Amino acid sequence: MQRTILGRLARLADGIVAEVHLALAERRSVAEEARRPVSIRSVQGVACQESRMKNALAFAAVAEATIGLLLLLSPSIVVLLLFNAEISGAAIAVSRIAGVSLVALGLACWPCHVRSGGLFGMLIYSSLVALYFIGLGLAGESVGKLLWPAAVVHVILTIFLAQEWVKERRMPSPKTPH
């Protein structure tokens, strides 16, 4: 009976030792893999993927900003070409505001505005809408009860956003890990 128990304990100990050896071997292979230098191909692959993403973002930014400029300059033609419909009155003003939005979106998404893209985009949008509303009001076109209050709100927003953007520009960029 003692031999049976001792035999079982010996087999159990052998199994435990084998498991420990296996775990240590796996740990060594993981550590060796971690110490291997990163292959040039993997680095080039990541750089190529980032480059493609930046190119796609730049293309989309230019496309949206271009459509925005076209909407600002000639909303009737753009709407006619896109929707085969005529617009007049307030629809022209709303189309131009949509154009301002697209220009701001394009500028915010430009790849160099990584840190402050949203802030920069809102600054552009708010300042252009404020100027547009002021221009409409001074020309006496489409002046509703809320045009001047909306213009004032956008001027105030532009001032606050510009202050924040200047602060952001003065802050040092965070270090990117290599």
N, C-alpha and C. Protein backbone atom coordinates (compact mmCIF):
# COMPACT_ATOMS: atom_id res chain seq x y z
N MET A 1 0.83 -1.17 0.00
CA MET A 1 0.00 0.00 0.00
C MET A 1 0.88 1.25 0.00
N GLN A 2 1.95 1.27 0.81
CA GLN A 2 2.85 2.40 0.83
C GLN A 2 3.51 2.58 -0.53
N ARG A 3 3.86 1.43 -1.17
CA ARG A 3 4.46 1.51 -2.50
C ARG A 3 3.49 2.13 -3.49
N THR A 4 2.23 1.82 -3.39
CA THR A 4 1.22 2.35 -4.29
C THR A 4 1.10 3.86 -4.09
N ILE A 5 1.04 4.28 -2.84
CA ILE A 5 0.92 5.71 -2.54
C ILE A 5 2.18 6.43 -2.99
N LEU A 6 3.36 5.85 -2.67
CA LEU A 6 4.62 6.46 -3.09
C LEU A 6 4.73 6.51 -4.61
N GLY A 7 4.25 5.49 -5.29
CA GLY A 7 4.27 5.46 -6.75
C GLY A 7 3.39 6.56 -7.33
N ARG A 8 2.21 6.71 -6.74
CA ARG A 8 1.28 7.76 -7.20
C ARG A 8 1.89 9.14 -6.97
N LEU A 9 2.49 9.34 -5.79
CA LEU A 9 3.11 10.63 -5.49
C LEU A 9 4.27 10.92 -6.43
N ALA A 10 5.04 9.87 -6.75
CA ALA A 10 6.16 10.05 -7.68
C ALA A 10 5.65 10.44 -9.07
N ARG A 11 4.60 9.75 -9.53
CA ARG A 11 4.03 10.09 -10.84
C ARG A 11 3.45 11.50 -10.82
N LEU A 12 2.80 11.88 -9.71
CA LEU A 12 2.25 13.23 -9.58
C LEU A 12 3.37 14.27 -9.60
N ALA A 13 4.45 13.99 -8.88
CA ALA A 13 5.59 14.90 -8.86
C ALA A 13 6.22 15.00 -10.24
N ASP A 14 6.35 13.87 -10.93
CA ASP A 14 6.88 13.90 -12.30
C ASP A 14 5.99 14.75 -13.22
N GLY A 15 4.68 14.61 -13.05
CA GLY A 15 3.75 15.41 -13.87
C GLY A 15 3.88 16.90 -13.58
N ILE A 16 4.04 17.22 -12.29
CA ILE A 16 4.18 18.63 -11.90
C ILE A 16 5.49 19.19 -12.45
N VAL A 17 6.57 18.42 -12.33
CA VAL A 17 7.86 18.85 -12.86
C VAL A 17 7.77 19.05 -14.37
N ALA A 18 7.10 18.15 -15.05
CA ALA A 18 6.94 18.27 -16.50
C ALA A 18 6.15 19.54 -16.85
N GLU A 19 5.10 19.82 -16.11
CA GLU A 19 4.30 21.03 -16.35
C GLU A 19 5.13 22.29 -16.10
N VAL A 20 5.95 22.30 -15.06
CA VAL A 20 6.80 23.45 -14.75
C VAL A 20 7.80 23.67 -15.88
N HIS A 21 8.42 22.54 -16.35
CA HIS A 21 9.37 22.66 -17.47
C HIS A 21 8.69 23.21 -18.71
N LEU A 22 7.48 22.75 -18.99
CA LEU A 22 6.74 23.23 -20.16
C LEU A 22 6.42 24.73 -20.02
N ALA A 23 5.98 25.13 -18.83
CA ALA A 23 5.65 26.55 -18.59
C ALA A 23 6.90 27.41 -18.73
N LEU A 24 8.03 26.94 -18.20
CA LEU A 24 9.26 27.71 -18.32
C LEU A 24 9.71 27.81 -19.78
N ALA A 25 9.55 26.73 -20.53
CA ALA A 25 9.92 26.76 -21.95
C ALA A 25 9.04 27.76 -22.71
N GLU A 26 7.74 27.78 -22.42
CA GLU A 26 6.84 28.74 -23.07
C GLU A 26 7.21 30.17 -22.70
N ARG A 27 7.53 30.38 -21.42
CA ARG A 27 7.90 31.71 -20.97
C ARG A 27 9.18 32.17 -21.67
N ARG A 28 10.16 31.26 -21.81
CA ARG A 28 11.39 31.60 -22.51
C ARG A 28 11.12 31.97 -23.96
N SER A 29 10.25 31.20 -24.62
CA SER A 29 9.98 31.50 -26.04
C SER A 29 9.26 32.83 -26.19
N VAL A 30 8.37 33.17 -25.27
CA VAL A 30 7.70 34.46 -25.32
C VAL A 30 8.70 35.58 -25.08
N ALA A 31 9.60 35.39 -24.10
CA ALA A 31 10.61 36.41 -23.81
C ALA A 31 11.56 36.58 -24.99
N GLU A 32 11.95 35.46 -25.61
CA GLU A 32 12.83 35.55 -26.78
C GLU A 32 12.13 36.28 -27.92
N GLU A 33 10.87 36.02 -28.12
CA GLU A 33 10.10 36.69 -29.18
C GLU A 33 10.03 38.19 -28.91
N ALA A 34 9.86 38.56 -27.65
CA ALA A 34 9.78 39.98 -27.30
C ALA A 34 11.12 40.69 -27.51
N ARG A 35 12.23 39.95 -27.34
CA ARG A 35 13.54 40.55 -27.53
C ARG A 35 13.96 40.66 -28.98
N ARG A 36 13.28 39.96 -29.86
CA ARG A 36 13.64 40.02 -31.27
C ARG A 36 13.41 41.43 -31.81
N PRO A 37 14.30 41.88 -32.67
CA PRO A 37 14.09 43.22 -33.25
C PRO A 37 12.87 43.21 -34.16
N VAL A 38 12.18 44.35 -34.19
CA VAL A 38 11.01 44.50 -35.05
C VAL A 38 11.49 44.45 -36.49
N SER A 39 10.80 43.67 -37.28
CA SER A 39 11.25 43.53 -38.67
C SER A 39 11.00 44.82 -39.45
N ILE A 40 11.84 45.06 -40.42
CA ILE A 40 11.72 46.25 -41.26
C ILE A 40 10.40 46.22 -42.01
N ARG A 41 9.99 45.03 -42.41
CA ARG A 41 8.73 44.92 -43.15
C ARG A 41 7.55 45.38 -42.31
N SER A 42 7.52 44.98 -41.02
CA SER A 42 6.38 45.38 -40.19
C SER A 42 6.37 46.89 -39.98
N VAL A 43 7.55 47.51 -39.80
CA VAL A 43 7.62 48.96 -39.64
C VAL A 43 7.18 49.65 -40.92
N GLN A 44 7.66 49.15 -42.06
CA GLN A 44 7.27 49.74 -43.33
C GLN A 44 5.77 49.57 -43.56
N GLY A 45 5.23 48.42 -43.16
CA GLY A 45 3.79 48.19 -43.32
C GLY A 45 2.96 49.18 -42.53
N VAL A 46 3.37 49.44 -41.28
CA VAL A 46 2.65 50.41 -40.44
C VAL A 46 2.78 51.81 -41.04
N ALA A 47 3.99 52.17 -41.47
CA ALA A 47 4.20 53.50 -42.06
C ALA A 47 3.39 53.66 -43.33
N CYS A 48 3.34 52.61 -44.14
CA CYS A 48 2.57 52.66 -45.39
C CYS A 48 1.08 52.80 -45.09
N GLN A 49 0.60 52.07 -44.08
CA GLN A 49 -0.82 52.16 -43.70
C GLN A 49 -1.14 53.56 -43.19
N GLU A 50 -0.27 54.14 -42.36
CA GLU A 50 -0.49 55.50 -41.87
C GLU A 50 -0.47 56.50 -43.02
N SER A 51 0.43 56.29 -43.97
CA SER A 51 0.51 57.18 -45.12
C SER A 51 -0.76 57.11 -45.96
N ARG A 52 -1.27 55.90 -46.18
CA ARG A 52 -2.53 55.74 -46.94
C ARG A 52 -3.68 56.42 -46.21
N MET A 53 -3.72 56.27 -44.87
CA MET A 53 -4.79 56.90 -44.09
C MET A 53 -4.71 58.41 -44.19
N LYS A 54 -3.50 58.96 -44.09
CA LYS A 54 -3.34 60.42 -44.20
C LYS A 54 -3.71 60.90 -45.59
N ASN A 55 -3.35 60.14 -46.62
CA ASN A 55 -3.71 60.51 -47.99
C ASN A 55 -5.22 60.48 -48.19
N ALA A 56 -5.88 59.45 -47.65
CA ALA A 56 -7.34 59.36 -47.76
C ALA A 56 -8.00 60.52 -47.03
N LEU A 57 -7.49 60.84 -45.84
CA LEU A 57 -8.04 61.94 -45.07
C LEU A 57 -7.82 63.27 -45.79
N ALA A 58 -6.65 63.46 -46.36
CA ALA A 58 -6.37 64.69 -47.10
C ALA A 58 -7.29 64.81 -48.32
N PHE A 59 -7.49 63.70 -49.04
CA PHE A 59 -8.38 63.72 -50.20
C PHE A 59 -9.80 64.08 -49.80
N ALA A 60 -10.30 63.43 -48.73
CA ALA A 60 -11.65 63.72 -48.26
C ALA A 60 -11.77 65.16 -47.80
N ALA A 61 -10.74 65.67 -47.11
CA ALA A 61 -10.77 67.05 -46.63
C ALA A 61 -10.84 68.03 -47.80
N VAL A 62 -10.03 67.79 -48.83
CA VAL A 62 -10.05 68.67 -50.01
C VAL A 62 -11.39 68.58 -50.73
N ALA A 63 -11.91 67.37 -50.87
CA ALA A 63 -13.20 67.20 -51.56
C ALA A 63 -14.32 67.94 -50.84
N GLU A 64 -14.40 67.77 -49.52
CA GLU A 64 -15.47 68.43 -48.76
C GLU A 64 -15.31 69.94 -48.76
N ALA A 65 -14.09 70.42 -48.60
CA ALA A 65 -13.85 71.87 -48.61
C ALA A 65 -14.17 72.45 -49.99
N THR A 66 -13.88 71.73 -51.04
CA THR A 66 -14.18 72.20 -52.40
C THR A 66 -15.68 72.31 -52.61
N ILE A 67 -16.43 71.29 -52.21
CA ILE A 67 -17.89 71.35 -52.33
C ILE A 67 -18.42 72.49 -51.48
N GLY A 68 -17.84 72.69 -50.30
CA GLY A 68 -18.25 73.80 -49.43
C GLY A 68 -18.03 75.14 -50.10
N LEU A 69 -16.86 75.32 -50.73
CA LEU A 69 -16.60 76.58 -51.45
C LEU A 69 -17.58 76.78 -52.60
N LEU A 70 -17.87 75.71 -53.31
CA LEU A 70 -18.84 75.81 -54.41
C LEU A 70 -20.22 76.19 -53.89
N LEU A 71 -20.61 75.63 -52.74
CA LEU A 71 -21.90 76.00 -52.14
C LEU A 71 -21.90 77.46 -51.69
N LEU A 72 -20.76 77.95 -51.21
CA LEU A 72 -20.68 79.35 -50.82
C LEU A 72 -20.80 80.28 -52.03
N LEU A 73 -20.11 79.92 -53.11
CA LEU A 73 -20.06 80.79 -54.28
C LEU A 73 -21.31 80.70 -55.15
N SER A 74 -21.83 79.50 -55.32
CA SER A 74 -22.97 79.33 -56.23
C SER A 74 -23.88 78.20 -55.75
N PRO A 75 -24.62 78.45 -54.68
CA PRO A 75 -25.46 77.38 -54.13
C PRO A 75 -26.53 76.88 -55.10
N SER A 76 -27.07 77.77 -55.93
CA SER A 76 -28.14 77.36 -56.85
C SER A 76 -27.64 76.31 -57.85
N ILE A 77 -26.43 76.52 -58.37
CA ILE A 77 -25.88 75.57 -59.36
C ILE A 77 -25.57 74.24 -58.69
N VAL A 78 -24.98 74.25 -57.51
CA VAL A 78 -24.65 73.00 -56.82
C VAL A 78 -25.91 72.21 -56.51
N VAL A 79 -26.92 72.89 -55.98
CA VAL A 79 -28.18 72.20 -55.65
C VAL A 79 -28.84 71.68 -56.93
N LEU A 80 -28.80 72.44 -58.00
CA LEU A 80 -29.37 71.98 -59.26
C LEU A 80 -28.64 70.74 -59.76
N LEU A 81 -27.30 70.75 -59.70
CA LEU A 81 -26.54 69.59 -60.17
C LEU A 81 -26.69 68.37 -59.26
N LEU A 82 -26.79 68.60 -57.96
CA LEU A 82 -26.93 67.47 -57.03
C LEU A 82 -28.35 66.91 -56.99
N PHE A 83 -29.36 67.80 -56.93
CA PHE A 83 -30.73 67.36 -56.66
C PHE A 83 -31.70 67.67 -57.79
N ASN A 84 -31.22 68.30 -58.87
CA ASN A 84 -32.07 68.68 -59.99
C ASN A 84 -33.27 69.50 -59.50
N ALA A 85 -32.96 70.48 -58.63
CA ALA A 85 -34.02 71.33 -58.06
C ALA A 85 -33.54 72.77 -58.01
N GLU A 86 -34.48 73.68 -58.14
CA GLU A 86 -34.19 75.11 -58.03
C GLU A 86 -34.35 75.53 -56.57
N ILE A 87 -33.52 76.48 -56.13
CA ILE A 87 -33.68 77.03 -54.78
C ILE A 87 -33.72 78.54 -54.85
N SER A 88 -34.33 79.14 -53.84
CA SER A 88 -34.38 80.60 -53.75
C SER A 88 -34.57 80.99 -52.30
N GLY A 89 -34.41 82.28 -52.04
CA GLY A 89 -34.68 82.83 -50.70
C GLY A 89 -33.80 82.23 -49.62
N ALA A 90 -34.46 81.79 -48.57
CA ALA A 90 -33.76 81.26 -47.40
C ALA A 90 -32.98 79.99 -47.72
N ALA A 91 -33.42 79.24 -48.73
CA ALA A 91 -32.70 78.01 -49.09
C ALA A 91 -31.28 78.33 -49.57
N ILE A 92 -31.10 79.48 -50.21
CA ILE A 92 -29.77 79.89 -50.64
C ILE A 92 -28.89 80.18 -49.41
N ALA A 93 -29.46 80.88 -48.43
CA ALA A 93 -28.70 81.19 -47.21
C ALA A 93 -28.34 79.91 -46.46
N VAL A 94 -29.28 78.99 -46.35
CA VAL A 94 -29.02 77.73 -45.66
C VAL A 94 -27.97 76.91 -46.42
N SER A 95 -28.02 76.93 -47.74
CA SER A 95 -27.02 76.22 -48.55
C SER A 95 -25.63 76.81 -48.33
N ARG A 96 -25.56 78.13 -48.21
CA ARG A 96 -24.26 78.75 -47.95
C ARG A 96 -23.74 78.40 -46.56
N ILE A 97 -24.62 78.31 -45.58
CA ILE A 97 -24.19 77.89 -44.24
C ILE A 97 -23.70 76.44 -44.29
N ALA A 98 -24.36 75.60 -45.08
CA ALA A 98 -23.88 74.22 -45.28
C ALA A 98 -22.49 74.25 -45.92
N GLY A 99 -22.28 75.18 -46.84
CA GLY A 99 -20.97 75.33 -47.47
C GLY A 99 -19.90 75.71 -46.46
N VAL A 100 -20.24 76.62 -45.56
CA VAL A 100 -19.30 77.01 -44.49
C VAL A 100 -18.97 75.79 -43.64
N SER A 101 -19.98 75.00 -43.34
CA SER A 101 -19.76 73.79 -42.53
C SER A 101 -18.80 72.83 -43.22
N LEU A 102 -18.97 72.65 -44.52
CA LEU A 102 -18.09 71.74 -45.25
C LEU A 102 -16.66 72.26 -45.34
N VAL A 103 -16.51 73.57 -45.49
CA VAL A 103 -15.17 74.15 -45.50
C VAL A 103 -14.50 73.93 -44.14
N ALA A 104 -15.24 74.19 -43.06
CA ALA A 104 -14.70 73.99 -41.71
C ALA A 104 -14.36 72.52 -41.47
N LEU A 105 -15.21 71.62 -41.93
CA LEU A 105 -14.95 70.20 -41.79
C LEU A 105 -13.68 69.81 -42.55
N GLY A 106 -13.55 70.30 -43.75
CA GLY A 106 -12.36 70.00 -44.54
C GLY A 106 -11.10 70.50 -43.86
N LEU A 107 -11.13 71.70 -43.31
CA LEU A 107 -9.97 72.25 -42.62
C LEU A 107 -9.67 71.50 -41.32
N ALA A 108 -10.73 71.12 -40.61
CA ALA A 108 -10.53 70.38 -39.36
C ALA A 108 -9.94 69.00 -39.60
N CYS A 109 -10.29 68.39 -40.73
CA CYS A 109 -9.81 67.04 -41.02
C CYS A 109 -8.49 67.01 -41.76
N TRP A 110 -7.94 68.16 -42.09
CA TRP A 110 -6.65 68.17 -42.77
C TRP A 110 -5.63 67.50 -41.86
N PRO A 111 -4.82 66.57 -42.38
CA PRO A 111 -3.94 65.76 -41.53
C PRO A 111 -3.01 66.52 -40.58
N CYS A 112 -2.63 67.75 -40.86
CA CYS A 112 -1.71 68.45 -39.96
C CYS A 112 -2.38 68.94 -38.68
N HIS A 113 -3.71 68.91 -38.60
CA HIS A 113 -4.42 69.40 -37.42
C HIS A 113 -4.76 68.25 -36.48
N VAL A 114 -3.76 67.44 -36.14
CA VAL A 114 -4.02 66.26 -35.32
C VAL A 114 -4.53 66.63 -33.93
N ARG A 115 -3.86 67.56 -33.26
CA ARG A 115 -4.22 67.89 -31.89
C ARG A 115 -5.47 68.73 -31.79
N SER A 116 -5.59 69.75 -32.62
CA SER A 116 -6.65 70.73 -32.41
C SER A 116 -7.62 70.81 -33.59
N GLY A 117 -7.81 69.72 -34.30
CA GLY A 117 -8.67 69.72 -35.48
C GLY A 117 -10.09 70.17 -35.19
N GLY A 118 -10.70 69.62 -34.14
CA GLY A 118 -12.08 69.99 -33.81
C GLY A 118 -12.19 71.45 -33.41
N LEU A 119 -11.27 71.89 -32.60
CA LEU A 119 -11.25 73.29 -32.17
C LEU A 119 -11.06 74.22 -33.36
N PHE A 120 -10.12 73.88 -34.22
CA PHE A 120 -9.84 74.69 -35.41
C PHE A 120 -11.05 74.71 -36.34
N GLY A 121 -11.67 73.56 -36.55
CA GLY A 121 -12.85 73.49 -37.41
C GLY A 121 -14.01 74.34 -36.88
N MET A 122 -14.25 74.27 -35.57
CA MET A 122 -15.32 75.08 -34.98
C MET A 122 -14.99 76.57 -35.04
N LEU A 123 -13.72 76.91 -34.88
CA LEU A 123 -13.31 78.31 -34.99
C LEU A 123 -13.59 78.83 -36.40
N ILE A 124 -13.20 78.07 -37.41
CA ILE A 124 -13.46 78.47 -38.80
C ILE A 124 -14.96 78.58 -39.05
N TYR A 125 -15.70 77.56 -38.64
CA TYR A 125 -17.15 77.57 -38.85
C TYR A 125 -17.81 78.78 -38.19
N SER A 126 -17.52 78.98 -36.92
CA SER A 126 -18.17 80.06 -36.18
C SER A 126 -17.81 81.43 -36.75
N SER A 127 -16.55 81.63 -37.10
CA SER A 127 -16.15 82.93 -37.64
C SER A 127 -16.77 83.19 -39.02
N LEU A 128 -16.81 82.17 -39.88
CA LEU A 128 -17.41 82.37 -41.20
C LEU A 128 -18.92 82.57 -41.13
N VAL A 129 -19.58 81.84 -40.24
CA VAL A 129 -21.04 82.03 -40.08
C VAL A 129 -21.31 83.42 -39.51
N ALA A 130 -20.50 83.87 -38.55
CA ALA A 130 -20.68 85.22 -38.00
C ALA A 130 -20.54 86.26 -39.10
N LEU A 131 -19.49 86.14 -39.92
CA LEU A 131 -19.30 87.08 -41.03
C LEU A 131 -20.46 87.02 -42.03
N TYR A 132 -20.93 85.82 -42.32
CA TYR A 132 -22.04 85.66 -43.27
C TYR A 132 -23.31 86.30 -42.72
N PHE A 133 -23.61 86.02 -41.45
CA PHE A 133 -24.81 86.62 -40.85
C PHE A 133 -24.72 88.14 -40.82
N ILE A 134 -23.55 88.68 -40.48
CA ILE A 134 -23.36 90.13 -40.45
C ILE A 134 -23.54 90.70 -41.86
N GLY A 135 -22.97 90.02 -42.85
CA GLY A 135 -23.14 90.45 -44.24
C GLY A 135 -24.59 90.45 -44.68
N LEU A 136 -25.33 89.40 -44.32
CA LEU A 136 -26.77 89.35 -44.65
C LEU A 136 -27.52 90.50 -43.98
N GLY A 137 -27.19 90.72 -42.70
CA GLY A 137 -27.89 91.78 -41.95
C GLY A 137 -27.60 93.16 -42.51
N LEU A 138 -26.35 93.43 -42.85
CA LEU A 138 -25.99 94.74 -43.39
C LEU A 138 -26.58 94.97 -44.78
N ALA A 139 -26.73 93.90 -45.54
CA ALA A 139 -27.31 94.03 -46.88
C ALA A 139 -28.83 94.12 -46.83
N GLY A 140 -29.39 93.81 -45.67
CA GLY A 140 -30.84 93.88 -45.53
C GLY A 140 -31.56 92.70 -46.15
N GLU A 141 -30.81 91.65 -46.50
CA GLU A 141 -31.41 90.46 -47.11
C GLU A 141 -31.80 89.46 -46.02
N SER A 142 -32.93 88.86 -46.15
CA SER A 142 -33.35 87.75 -45.29
C SER A 142 -33.08 88.01 -43.82
N VAL A 143 -33.51 89.17 -43.33
CA VAL A 143 -33.24 89.52 -41.93
C VAL A 143 -34.44 89.12 -41.09
N GLY A 144 -34.29 88.00 -40.37
CA GLY A 144 -35.32 87.57 -39.45
C GLY A 144 -35.03 88.10 -38.05
N LYS A 145 -35.92 87.82 -37.12
CA LYS A 145 -35.76 88.32 -35.75
C LYS A 145 -34.51 87.78 -35.05
N LEU A 146 -34.07 86.61 -35.42
CA LEU A 146 -32.93 86.01 -34.73
C LEU A 146 -31.60 86.14 -35.48
N LEU A 147 -31.60 86.84 -36.63
CA LEU A 147 -30.36 86.95 -37.39
C LEU A 147 -29.27 87.68 -36.60
N TRP A 148 -29.59 88.87 -36.07
CA TRP A 148 -28.57 89.62 -35.34
C TRP A 148 -28.17 88.95 -34.03
N PRO A 149 -29.12 88.41 -33.25
CA PRO A 149 -28.68 87.66 -32.05
C PRO A 149 -27.79 86.46 -32.41
N ALA A 150 -28.11 85.77 -33.51
CA ALA A 150 -27.28 84.64 -33.93
C ALA A 150 -25.89 85.12 -34.35
N ALA A 151 -25.83 86.26 -35.02
CA ALA A 151 -24.53 86.83 -35.42
C ALA A 151 -23.71 87.17 -34.18
N VAL A 152 -24.34 87.77 -33.17
CA VAL A 152 -23.63 88.13 -31.94
C VAL A 152 -23.14 86.88 -31.22
N VAL A 153 -23.99 85.86 -31.14
CA VAL A 153 -23.58 84.61 -30.49
C VAL A 153 -22.36 84.02 -31.20
N HIS A 154 -22.37 84.04 -32.53
CA HIS A 154 -21.24 83.49 -33.28
C HIS A 154 -19.98 84.35 -33.13
N VAL A 155 -20.13 85.66 -33.00
CA VAL A 155 -18.97 86.51 -32.75
C VAL A 155 -18.36 86.17 -31.38
N ILE A 156 -19.21 86.03 -30.37
CA ILE A 156 -18.74 85.68 -29.03
C ILE A 156 -18.07 84.31 -29.04
N LEU A 157 -18.72 83.34 -29.69
CA LEU A 157 -18.13 82.01 -29.81
C LEU A 157 -16.77 82.06 -30.51
N THR A 158 -16.68 82.85 -31.55
CA THR A 158 -15.43 82.99 -32.29
C THR A 158 -14.33 83.53 -31.39
N ILE A 159 -14.66 84.50 -30.57
CA ILE A 159 -13.66 85.08 -29.65
C ILE A 159 -13.18 84.02 -28.65
N PHE A 160 -14.13 83.29 -28.04
CA PHE A 160 -13.75 82.25 -27.08
C PHE A 160 -12.93 81.15 -27.75
N LEU A 161 -13.38 80.70 -28.91
CA LEU A 161 -12.66 79.64 -29.63
C LEU A 161 -11.27 80.09 -30.06
N ALA A 162 -11.16 81.34 -30.50
CA ALA A 162 -9.85 81.87 -30.91
C ALA A 162 -8.90 81.92 -29.72
N GLN A 163 -9.39 82.33 -28.55
CA GLN A 163 -8.55 82.34 -27.36
C GLN A 163 -8.06 80.94 -27.01
N GLU A 164 -8.95 79.96 -27.07
CA GLU A 164 -8.57 78.58 -26.77
C GLU A 164 -7.59 78.03 -27.81
N TRP A 165 -7.81 78.39 -29.06
CA TRP A 165 -6.92 77.92 -30.12
C TRP A 165 -5.52 78.49 -29.94
N VAL A 166 -5.43 79.77 -29.55
CA VAL A 166 -4.11 80.38 -29.30
C VAL A 166 -3.44 79.68 -28.12
N LYS A 167 -4.17 79.39 -27.05
CA LYS A 167 -3.61 78.66 -25.91
C LYS A 167 -3.11 77.29 -26.35
N GLU A 168 -3.91 76.62 -27.15
CA GLU A 168 -3.55 75.28 -27.64
C GLU A 168 -2.27 75.33 -28.46
N ARG A 169 -2.14 76.34 -29.28
CA ARG A 169 -0.95 76.47 -30.14
C ARG A 169 0.31 76.73 -29.32
N ARG A 170 0.15 77.38 -28.17
CA ARG A 170 1.31 77.69 -27.32
C ARG A 170 1.78 76.50 -26.51
N MET A 171 0.89 75.51 -26.30
CA MET A 171 1.25 74.34 -25.51
C MET A 171 2.21 73.46 -26.31
N PRO A 172 3.22 72.89 -25.63
CA PRO A 172 4.14 71.99 -26.36
C PRO A 172 3.41 70.71 -26.77
N SER A 173 3.80 70.16 -27.92
CA SER A 173 3.19 68.92 -28.38
C SER A 173 3.62 67.77 -27.49
N PRO A 174 2.70 66.82 -27.28
CA PRO A 174 3.09 65.66 -26.49
C PRO A 174 4.09 64.82 -27.27
N LYS A 175 5.01 64.22 -26.55
CA LYS A 175 6.01 63.36 -27.18
C LYS A 175 5.32 62.10 -27.70
N THR A 176 5.64 61.74 -28.93
CA THR A 176 5.08 60.51 -29.47
C THR A 176 6.07 59.38 -29.23
N PRO A 177 5.58 58.22 -28.73
CA PRO A 177 6.48 57.10 -28.47
C PRO A 177 6.98 56.50 -29.78
N HIS A 178 8.22 56.08 -29.78
CA HIS A 178 8.80 55.46 -30.98
C HIS A 178 8.94 53.98 -30.79
